[in-house]
Amino acid sequence: MAATLVLTHFNELFVPNDPGHPLRGKEMNKGTILKDAYVAFDGDKILAIGEGDVPKSLIDANTKVEERRGMVATPGLIDAHTHLVYGGSREHEFSKKLNGMSYLDILAEGGGILSTLKATRAASFETLYDKTHDLLEQMMIHGVTTVEAKSGYGLNWETEKRQLEVAKKLNEDLPIDLVSTFMAAHVIPPEYKENPDPLIDEIIKMLPKVKEEKLAEFVDVFCDAGVYTAAQSKRLLEAAKKEGFSLRIHADEIESIGGSAVAAELGATSAEHLMVITDEDIQKLADAHVIGNLLPGTTFSLMEDTYAPARKMLDAGMAITITTDSNPGSCPMANLQFIMQLGCLYLHMTPIEVFNAVTINAAYSVHRNETVGSLDQGKKADLTVFKAPNLDYLLYYFATNHAVEVYKNGKLIVKDRQLV
């Protein structure tokens, strides 16, 4: 079969393995790097990859052939943890952080997530749509083709629904895949502070509505000090599981209070953050095959010293992803490449481990592994092209957008770092 488009003579092409499960432990340091490589598209699907001369069988009179010398490519990058849809911003808290005020202290005085909650409740659909549209464009320019997007800045049905509907519409309108997560259990508003259990009851009542209107695939909860206990988180996630949702959990970000154990017990797809996870809980997640979504940008932005113990997780046989945690407070950013660089510099992961974390493992984290995350024949033709001599250079030369082209479903959506 002849290709519709063939991109040839890449310096290097990163080809993740897809063994039918997320890459775990030592598997994460394995992957193929093709030299003088080509990628062939059949419309919106991957047709073939290889090294050297392109086979004549892939080219006919209708095939477009273009050289990409001096460039490297990977599957389209996947950002598997974001808080994408929100109102307002929180730069007014920046000086407080610089002066040593903690995340929980800011939250306690009505800032943090509570500040964004107020702004999001007041924002119209159009305002949220336009703001999120701009953020997604920045993500695409930096090489991202698939994004997980959480709600959680409403804490009431009206606003949570509006956030999810914005994500749903943007998934339809933009050349990027959005995977939605319902996270009404993101923070405890003041009126429920003394007894959050009635709020859990209210959120559980929302689950059938979310499912009926097909607004989300996952349910998430913030299990940590000052937020939801392990018992409350488990009660919500058990109800979500009964409704047919897949599970995620924010755990072990500030204190280790049992969230990872809940993730292991319930078979969650992923546990997020994990900066202060115990060795015992690392083993529980590894044994239960729960993916660890690590967010080094949050630790960096909060000026903390404790990064998730990625090497311990890999030694225990865990699967890992690296994500931006893009949000208005603890990680206001859109550059997944910088997060990948932090993965090497602060999580002490190898370049191959990092590339696997944002491609094939991230695809499993958002349940899109059958269509994206690797360059297997028949998967979506999602490709990120970087101007760089080799893959290591992308992580060595940091805080720079190296992505010069992005293809989504076989179509060029970014060229010369600008949207097409």
Protein backbone atom coordinates (compact mmCIF):
# COMPACT_ATOMS: atom_id res chain seq x y z
CA MET A 1 0.00 0.00 0.00
CA ALA A 2 1.32 3.43 -0.93
CA ALA A 3 1.49 6.20 1.66
CA THR A 4 -0.20 9.58 1.43
CA LEU A 5 2.77 11.29 3.12
CA VAL A 6 6.31 10.16 3.88
CA LEU A 7 8.67 12.18 6.06
CA THR A 8 12.24 11.05 5.47
CA HIS A 9 15.79 11.37 6.79
CA PHE A 10 15.06 12.20 10.40
CA ASN A 11 18.28 12.21 12.37
CA GLU A 12 16.50 10.06 14.95
CA LEU A 13 13.03 8.63 15.44
CA PHE A 14 11.95 7.44 18.89
CA VAL A 15 9.86 4.26 18.69
CA PRO A 16 8.31 3.17 22.02
CA ASN A 17 7.55 -0.48 22.66
CA ASP A 18 3.91 -1.40 23.26
CA PRO A 19 3.84 -4.84 24.89
CA GLY A 20 0.13 -4.60 25.65
CA HIS A 21 0.58 -2.97 29.06
CA PRO A 22 2.21 0.18 30.45
CA LEU A 23 5.98 -0.12 30.57
CA ARG A 24 7.04 -1.00 34.11
CA GLY A 25 10.34 -0.81 35.94
CA LYS A 26 13.25 -1.76 33.71
CA GLU A 27 10.96 -1.86 30.66
CA MET A 28 10.79 1.92 30.81
CA ASN A 29 14.44 2.23 29.85
CA LYS A 30 13.89 0.33 26.62
CA GLY A 31 12.87 1.75 23.26
CA THR A 32 14.12 1.84 19.70
CA ILE A 33 15.88 4.85 18.21
CA LEU A 34 15.94 4.66 14.42
CA LYS A 35 18.66 6.59 12.55
CA ASP A 36 18.17 8.27 9.17
CA ALA A 37 14.54 7.34 9.69
CA TYR A 38 11.28 7.73 7.84
CA VAL A 39 7.60 7.78 8.87
CA ALA A 40 4.85 6.94 6.38
CA PHE A 41 1.22 8.02 6.87
CA ASP A 42 -1.84 6.43 5.34
CA GLY A 43 -4.19 9.37 5.72
CA ASP A 44 -4.79 9.72 9.46
CA LYS A 45 -2.98 6.48 10.43
CA ILE A 46 0.61 5.30 10.75
CA LEU A 47 1.47 3.08 7.81
CA ALA A 48 5.16 2.29 8.29
CA ILE A 49 8.43 3.40 9.86
CA GLY A 50 11.99 2.44 9.07
CA GLU A 51 15.60 3.42 8.46
CA GLY A 52 17.39 4.48 5.29
CA ASP A 53 15.75 4.45 1.88
CA VAL A 54 11.98 4.34 1.76
CA PRO A 55 10.67 1.12 0.17
CA LYS A 56 9.32 1.72 -3.32
CA SER A 57 6.07 -0.02 -2.35
CA LEU A 58 5.24 2.94 -0.06
CA ILE A 59 5.42 5.53 -2.83
CA ASP A 60 3.25 6.15 -5.86
CA ALA A 61 2.32 9.19 -7.95
CA ASN A 62 0.04 10.52 -5.20
CA THR A 63 2.53 10.20 -2.34
CA LYS A 64 3.97 13.39 -0.91
CA VAL A 65 7.59 12.93 0.18
CA GLU A 66 9.38 15.49 2.36
CA GLU A 67 12.83 15.47 3.98
CA ARG A 68 13.37 16.27 7.65
CA ARG A 69 17.16 16.32 7.91
CA GLY A 70 18.49 17.81 11.12
CA MET A 71 15.33 16.88 13.00
CA VAL A 72 14.12 14.17 15.37
CA ALA A 73 10.60 12.91 15.99
CA THR A 74 8.52 11.06 18.57
CA PRO A 75 4.89 10.02 18.84
CA GLY A 76 2.70 13.00 19.69
CA LEU A 77 3.28 13.99 23.31
CA ILE A 78 0.54 13.19 25.85
CA ASP A 79 -0.13 15.30 28.95
CA ALA A 80 -1.94 12.95 31.32
CA HIS A 81 -2.78 15.28 34.22
CA THR A 82 -4.08 18.84 33.88
CA HIS A 83 -6.59 21.14 35.53
CA LEU A 84 -7.36 22.76 32.23
CA VAL A 85 -10.67 24.64 32.56
CA TYR A 86 -10.78 27.44 35.13
CA GLY A 87 -11.60 31.09 35.63
CA GLY A 88 -9.23 33.86 36.68
CA SER A 89 -5.58 33.44 37.63
CA ARG A 90 -3.54 33.53 40.82
CA GLU A 91 -0.48 35.67 40.20
CA HIS A 92 -1.49 37.70 43.28
CA GLU A 93 -0.41 34.69 45.37
CA PHE A 94 3.05 34.58 43.83
CA SER A 95 4.65 37.02 46.26
CA LYS A 96 3.11 35.10 49.17
CA LYS A 97 4.81 31.92 47.97
CA LEU A 98 8.07 33.80 47.57
CA ASN A 99 7.76 35.00 51.16
CA GLY A 100 7.41 31.46 52.42
CA MET A 101 3.65 31.00 52.78
CA SER A 102 2.76 27.35 52.24
CA TYR A 103 0.18 25.96 49.84
CA LEU A 104 -2.07 24.90 52.73
CA ASP A 105 -1.72 28.29 54.47
CA ILE A 106 -2.82 30.10 51.30
CA LEU A 107 -5.74 27.70 51.02
CA ALA A 108 -6.69 28.27 54.67
CA GLU A 109 -7.06 32.02 54.14
CA GLY A 110 -9.42 31.54 51.20
CA GLY A 111 -6.85 31.56 48.43
CA GLY A 112 -5.55 28.73 46.32
CA ILE A 113 -8.20 26.48 44.86
CA LEU A 114 -10.94 28.39 46.71
CA SER A 115 -9.94 31.57 44.88
CA THR A 116 -10.13 29.80 41.53
CA LEU A 117 -13.45 28.23 42.56
CA LYS A 118 -14.96 31.68 43.03
CA ALA A 119 -13.66 32.91 39.67
CA THR A 120 -14.77 29.77 37.84
CA ARG A 121 -18.28 29.89 39.28
CA ALA A 122 -18.57 33.47 38.06
CA ALA A 123 -17.25 32.74 34.56
CA SER A 124 -19.54 32.09 31.60
CA PHE A 125 -19.19 29.15 29.23
CA GLU A 126 -17.75 31.52 26.61
CA THR A 127 -15.17 32.96 29.00
CA LEU A 128 -14.01 29.51 30.09
CA TYR A 129 -14.00 28.27 26.49
CA ASP A 130 -11.84 31.14 25.22
CA LYS A 131 -9.37 30.91 28.10
CA THR A 132 -8.96 27.15 27.76
CA HIS A 133 -8.76 27.42 23.96
CA ASP A 134 -5.72 29.68 24.33
CA LEU A 135 -4.07 27.31 26.81
CA LEU A 136 -4.59 24.32 24.53
CA GLU A 137 -3.08 26.20 21.61
CA GLN A 138 0.05 26.76 23.71
CA MET A 139 0.16 23.05 24.55
CA MET A 140 -0.12 22.11 20.87
CA ILE A 141 2.68 24.50 19.95
CA HIS A 142 4.85 22.68 22.49
CA GLY A 143 4.16 19.30 20.88
CA VAL A 144 1.16 17.91 22.79
CA THR A 145 -1.54 16.05 20.86
CA THR A 146 -3.57 14.44 23.70
CA VAL A 147 -4.52 15.98 27.06
CA GLU A 148 -6.32 14.79 30.19
CA ALA A 149 -8.53 17.58 31.59
CA LYS A 150 -10.04 17.61 35.08
CA SER A 151 -12.95 19.61 36.42
CA GLY A 152 -12.87 20.58 40.08
CA TYR A 153 -13.21 24.34 40.27
CA GLY A 154 -16.95 24.35 40.74
CA LEU A 155 -17.81 21.92 43.52
CA ASN A 156 -21.44 22.32 42.52
CA TRP A 157 -23.22 20.61 39.66
CA GLU A 158 -23.80 23.74 37.61
CA THR A 159 -20.14 24.78 37.45
CA GLU A 160 -18.67 21.29 37.27
CA LYS A 161 -20.97 20.54 34.35
CA ARG A 162 -19.94 23.79 32.65
CA GLN A 163 -16.26 22.89 32.97
CA LEU A 164 -16.83 19.44 31.52
CA GLU A 165 -18.96 20.83 28.69
CA VAL A 166 -16.20 23.30 27.80
CA ALA A 167 -13.71 20.43 27.57
CA LYS A 168 -16.16 18.39 25.48
CA LYS A 169 -16.69 21.26 23.02
CA LEU A 170 -12.97 21.96 22.71
CA ASN A 171 -12.38 18.28 22.00
CA GLU A 172 -14.78 18.68 19.08
CA ASP A 173 -13.41 22.01 17.86
CA LEU A 174 -9.63 21.68 18.14
CA PRO A 175 -7.24 19.18 16.51
CA ILE A 176 -6.28 17.70 19.87
CA ASP A 177 -7.79 14.86 21.91
CA LEU A 178 -9.17 15.76 25.34
CA VAL A 179 -9.89 13.07 27.92
CA SER A 180 -12.15 14.35 30.71
CA THR A 181 -11.98 13.61 34.42
CA PHE A 182 -14.72 14.57 36.91
CA MET A 183 -13.07 15.96 40.04
CA ALA A 184 -15.71 17.73 42.10
CA ALA A 185 -13.86 16.37 45.17
CA HIS A 186 -10.97 18.77 44.66
CA VAL A 187 -11.19 20.91 47.79
CA ILE A 188 -13.56 21.33 50.73
CA PRO A 189 -15.43 24.66 50.65
CA PRO A 190 -15.80 26.54 53.97
CA GLU A 191 -19.43 25.52 54.50
CA TYR A 192 -18.42 21.83 54.61
CA LYS A 193 -15.10 22.22 56.42
CA GLU A 194 -16.29 20.78 59.72
CA ASN A 195 -18.01 17.80 58.09
CA PRO A 196 -17.20 16.99 54.45
CA ASP A 197 -19.25 13.78 54.38
CA PRO A 198 -22.47 15.46 53.16
CA LEU A 199 -20.45 16.94 50.27
CA ILE A 200 -19.25 13.46 49.34
CA ASP A 201 -22.90 12.43 49.28
CA GLU A 202 -23.72 15.32 46.94
CA ILE A 203 -20.85 14.46 44.61
CA ILE A 204 -21.93 10.82 44.51
CA LYS A 205 -25.39 12.00 43.40
CA MET A 206 -23.73 13.83 40.48
CA LEU A 207 -22.04 10.69 39.13
CA PRO A 208 -25.06 9.29 37.22
CA LYS A 209 -25.56 12.70 35.55
CA VAL A 210 -21.94 12.82 34.43
CA LYS A 211 -22.23 9.30 33.06
CA GLU A 212 -25.60 9.90 31.37
CA GLU A 213 -24.37 13.03 29.59
CA LYS A 214 -21.03 11.39 28.67
CA LEU A 215 -19.05 14.25 30.20
CA ALA A 216 -16.16 12.27 31.70
CA GLU A 217 -14.44 8.88 31.66
CA PHE A 218 -12.54 9.18 34.95
CA VAL A 219 -13.28 10.30 38.50
CA ASP A 220 -10.56 11.80 40.68
CA VAL A 221 -10.35 12.94 44.33
CA PHE A 222 -7.78 14.94 46.29
CA CYS A 223 -6.78 12.66 49.17
CA ASP A 224 -4.40 14.56 51.40
CA ALA A 225 -3.99 16.58 54.58
CA GLY A 226 -6.60 19.31 54.84
CA VAL A 227 -8.67 17.85 52.03
CA TYR A 228 -10.33 14.39 51.85
CA THR A 229 -9.42 11.47 54.09
CA ALA A 230 -8.60 8.04 52.74
CA ALA A 231 -11.97 6.76 53.95
CA GLN A 232 -13.88 9.58 52.24
CA SER A 233 -11.86 9.16 49.05
CA LYS A 234 -12.49 5.42 49.03
CA ARG A 235 -16.25 5.93 49.49
CA LEU A 236 -16.42 8.28 46.52
CA LEU A 237 -14.23 6.16 44.26
CA GLU A 238 -16.15 2.98 45.11
CA ALA A 239 -19.36 4.74 44.04
CA ALA A 240 -17.67 5.96 40.86
CA LYS A 241 -16.47 2.47 40.06
CA LYS A 242 -20.01 1.11 40.44
CA GLU A 243 -21.17 3.76 37.93
CA GLY A 244 -18.61 2.50 35.42
CA PHE A 245 -15.97 5.22 35.74
CA SER A 246 -12.25 4.57 35.71
CA LEU A 247 -10.43 5.91 38.75
CA ARG A 248 -7.63 8.35 39.48
CA ILE A 249 -6.53 9.78 42.83
CA HIS A 250 -4.41 12.73 44.00
CA ALA A 251 -2.33 11.13 46.73
CA ASP A 252 0.77 11.67 48.85
CA GLU A 253 1.38 15.21 47.64
CA ILE A 254 1.65 16.89 51.04
CA GLU A 255 1.24 14.10 53.58
CA SER A 256 0.93 10.34 53.21
CA ILE A 257 -2.53 9.55 54.61
CA GLY A 258 -3.45 6.37 52.73
CA GLY A 259 -4.43 7.55 49.28
CA SER A 260 -2.03 5.26 47.46
CA ALA A 261 -3.34 2.27 49.39
CA VAL A 262 -6.86 3.21 48.26
CA ALA A 263 -5.65 3.39 44.65
CA ALA A 264 -4.10 -0.07 44.91
CA GLU A 265 -7.12 -1.60 46.63
CA LEU A 266 -9.63 -0.26 44.10
CA GLY A 267 -7.47 -0.85 41.02
CA ALA A 268 -7.22 2.81 40.01
CA THR A 269 -5.70 3.57 36.64
CA SER A 270 -3.35 6.10 38.19
CA ALA A 271 -2.21 7.74 41.40
CA GLU A 272 -1.08 11.34 40.97
CA HIS A 273 1.71 13.41 42.60
CA LEU A 274 3.24 10.88 45.08
CA MET A 275 5.96 13.21 46.35
CA VAL A 276 5.85 11.82 49.90
CA ILE A 277 4.79 8.24 49.16
CA THR A 278 6.16 5.55 51.47
CA ASP A 279 8.22 2.58 50.32
CA GLU A 280 5.40 0.30 51.41
CA ASP A 281 2.86 2.14 49.26
CA ILE A 282 5.21 2.17 46.28
CA GLN A 283 5.21 -1.61 46.41
CA LYS A 284 1.41 -1.67 46.73
CA LEU A 285 1.04 0.44 43.59
CA ALA A 286 3.58 -1.69 41.74
CA ASP A 287 1.82 -4.93 42.71
CA ALA A 288 -1.59 -3.50 41.72
CA HIS A 289 -0.22 -2.14 38.41
CA VAL A 290 -1.34 1.42 39.21
CA ILE A 291 0.44 4.02 37.07
CA GLY A 292 2.28 6.76 38.94
CA ASN A 293 1.58 10.15 37.36
CA LEU A 294 4.49 12.32 38.50
CA LEU A 295 4.35 16.11 38.42
CA PRO A 296 7.80 17.60 39.03
CA GLY A 297 6.69 21.02 37.80
CA THR A 298 4.47 21.36 40.87
CA THR A 299 7.36 20.73 43.26
CA PHE A 300 9.48 23.15 41.23
CA SER A 301 6.80 25.87 41.19
CA LEU A 302 6.05 25.53 44.91
CA MET A 303 9.80 25.77 45.61
CA GLU A 304 9.70 22.56 47.60
CA ASP A 305 12.58 20.14 48.01
CA THR A 306 10.69 16.85 47.83
CA TYR A 307 10.30 15.35 44.37
CA ALA A 308 8.52 12.07 43.73
CA PRO A 309 10.97 9.15 44.24
CA ALA A 310 10.89 8.00 40.65
CA ARG A 311 13.93 5.73 40.92
CA LYS A 312 12.44 3.85 43.87
CA MET A 313 9.24 3.41 41.87
CA LEU A 314 11.09 2.05 38.86
CA ASP A 315 13.15 -0.27 41.04
CA ALA A 316 9.88 -1.61 42.47
CA GLY A 317 8.52 -2.25 38.97
CA MET A 318 6.05 0.63 38.72
CA ALA A 319 4.88 2.29 35.52
CA ILE A 320 5.41 6.06 35.45
CA THR A 321 4.16 9.02 33.46
CA ILE A 322 5.34 12.64 33.66
CA THR A 323 2.76 15.40 33.32
CA THR A 324 2.47 19.18 33.62
CA ASP A 325 -0.29 19.43 36.24
CA SER A 326 -1.13 22.61 34.33
CA ASN A 327 -3.27 24.66 36.73
CA PRO A 328 -3.62 28.28 37.88
CA GLY A 329 -1.92 27.91 41.25
CA SER A 330 0.78 25.32 41.81
CA CYS A 331 1.90 24.90 38.18
CA PRO A 332 0.71 27.60 35.75
CA MET A 333 2.33 26.45 32.53
CA ALA A 334 1.81 24.77 29.15
CA ASN A 335 5.26 23.41 28.30
CA LEU A 336 5.43 19.62 28.73
CA GLN A 337 8.98 19.66 27.33
CA PHE A 338 10.18 21.57 30.40
CA ILE A 339 8.51 18.97 32.63
CA MET A 340 10.36 16.26 30.69
CA GLN A 341 13.61 18.07 31.37
CA LEU A 342 12.76 18.22 35.08
CA GLY A 343 12.16 14.49 34.86
CA CYS A 344 15.81 14.03 34.04
CA LEU A 345 17.24 16.74 36.30
CA TYR A 346 15.15 16.17 39.44
CA LEU A 347 13.55 12.73 39.12
CA HIS A 348 16.83 11.28 37.81
CA MET A 349 15.14 9.47 34.95
CA THR A 350 16.97 8.59 31.75
CA PRO A 351 15.95 10.23 28.47
CA ILE A 352 14.42 6.95 27.24
CA GLU A 353 12.38 6.63 30.45
CA VAL A 354 11.16 10.19 30.04
CA PHE A 355 10.12 9.74 26.41
CA ASN A 356 8.27 6.54 27.32
CA ALA A 357 6.58 8.41 30.18
CA VAL A 358 5.02 11.02 27.86
CA THR A 359 4.13 8.68 25.01
CA ILE A 360 3.15 5.04 25.49
CA ASN A 361 2.72 5.10 29.28
CA ALA A 362 0.75 8.35 29.13
CA ALA A 363 -1.47 6.75 26.49
CA TYR A 364 -2.25 3.90 28.89
CA SER A 365 -2.88 6.42 31.66
CA VAL A 366 -5.70 8.03 29.65
CA HIS A 367 -6.94 4.75 28.12
CA ARG A 368 -5.92 5.73 24.58
CA ASN A 369 -3.20 3.11 24.15
CA GLU A 370 -5.00 1.40 21.28
CA THR A 371 -4.86 4.55 19.15
CA VAL A 372 -1.93 6.73 20.29
CA GLY A 373 1.33 6.64 22.22
CA SER A 374 3.46 4.61 19.81
CA LEU A 375 4.17 4.37 16.08
CA ASP A 376 2.59 0.99 15.46
CA GLN A 377 0.86 0.51 12.13
CA GLY A 378 -2.79 1.53 12.31
CA LYS A 379 -2.45 3.91 15.24
CA LYS A 380 -3.25 7.58 14.77
CA ALA A 381 -0.68 9.53 12.79
CA ASP A 382 0.24 11.76 15.74
CA LEU A 383 3.84 12.93 15.48
CA THR A 384 5.91 15.66 17.14
CA VAL A 385 8.92 16.89 15.18
CA PHE A 386 11.78 18.64 16.97
CA LYS A 387 14.66 20.68 15.60
CA ALA A 388 17.53 18.92 17.32
CA PRO A 389 20.50 16.73 16.38
CA ASN A 390 19.38 13.89 18.64
CA LEU A 391 16.86 12.99 21.35
CA ASP A 392 19.22 13.64 24.26
CA TYR A 393 19.62 17.23 23.09
CA LEU A 394 15.92 17.88 23.74
CA LEU A 395 16.40 17.18 27.43
CA TYR A 396 19.91 18.61 27.74
CA TYR A 397 19.06 22.05 26.27
CA PHE A 398 16.31 23.00 28.67
CA ALA A 399 13.54 25.62 28.97
CA THR A 400 13.22 25.88 25.19
CA ASN A 401 10.47 24.85 22.81
CA HIS A 402 12.19 22.48 20.40
CA ALA A 403 8.95 21.39 18.64
CA VAL A 404 8.81 22.85 15.14
CA GLU A 405 6.07 20.66 13.66
CA VAL A 406 3.15 18.73 15.09
CA TYR A 407 0.93 16.29 13.21
CA LYS A 408 -2.46 15.22 14.53
CA ASN A 409 -4.36 12.47 12.72
CA GLY A 410 -1.95 12.90 9.80
CA LYS A 411 -2.58 16.63 9.44
CA LEU A 412 0.02 19.31 10.08
CA ILE A 413 -1.32 21.48 12.90
CA VAL A 414 1.88 23.30 13.96
CA LYS A 415 4.64 24.52 11.63
CA ASP A 416 7.64 26.61 12.63
CA ARG A 417 6.26 26.79 16.19
CA GLN A 418 3.02 28.39 14.98
CA LEU A 419 -0.46 26.97 14.54
CA VAL A 420 -1.31 26.18 10.95
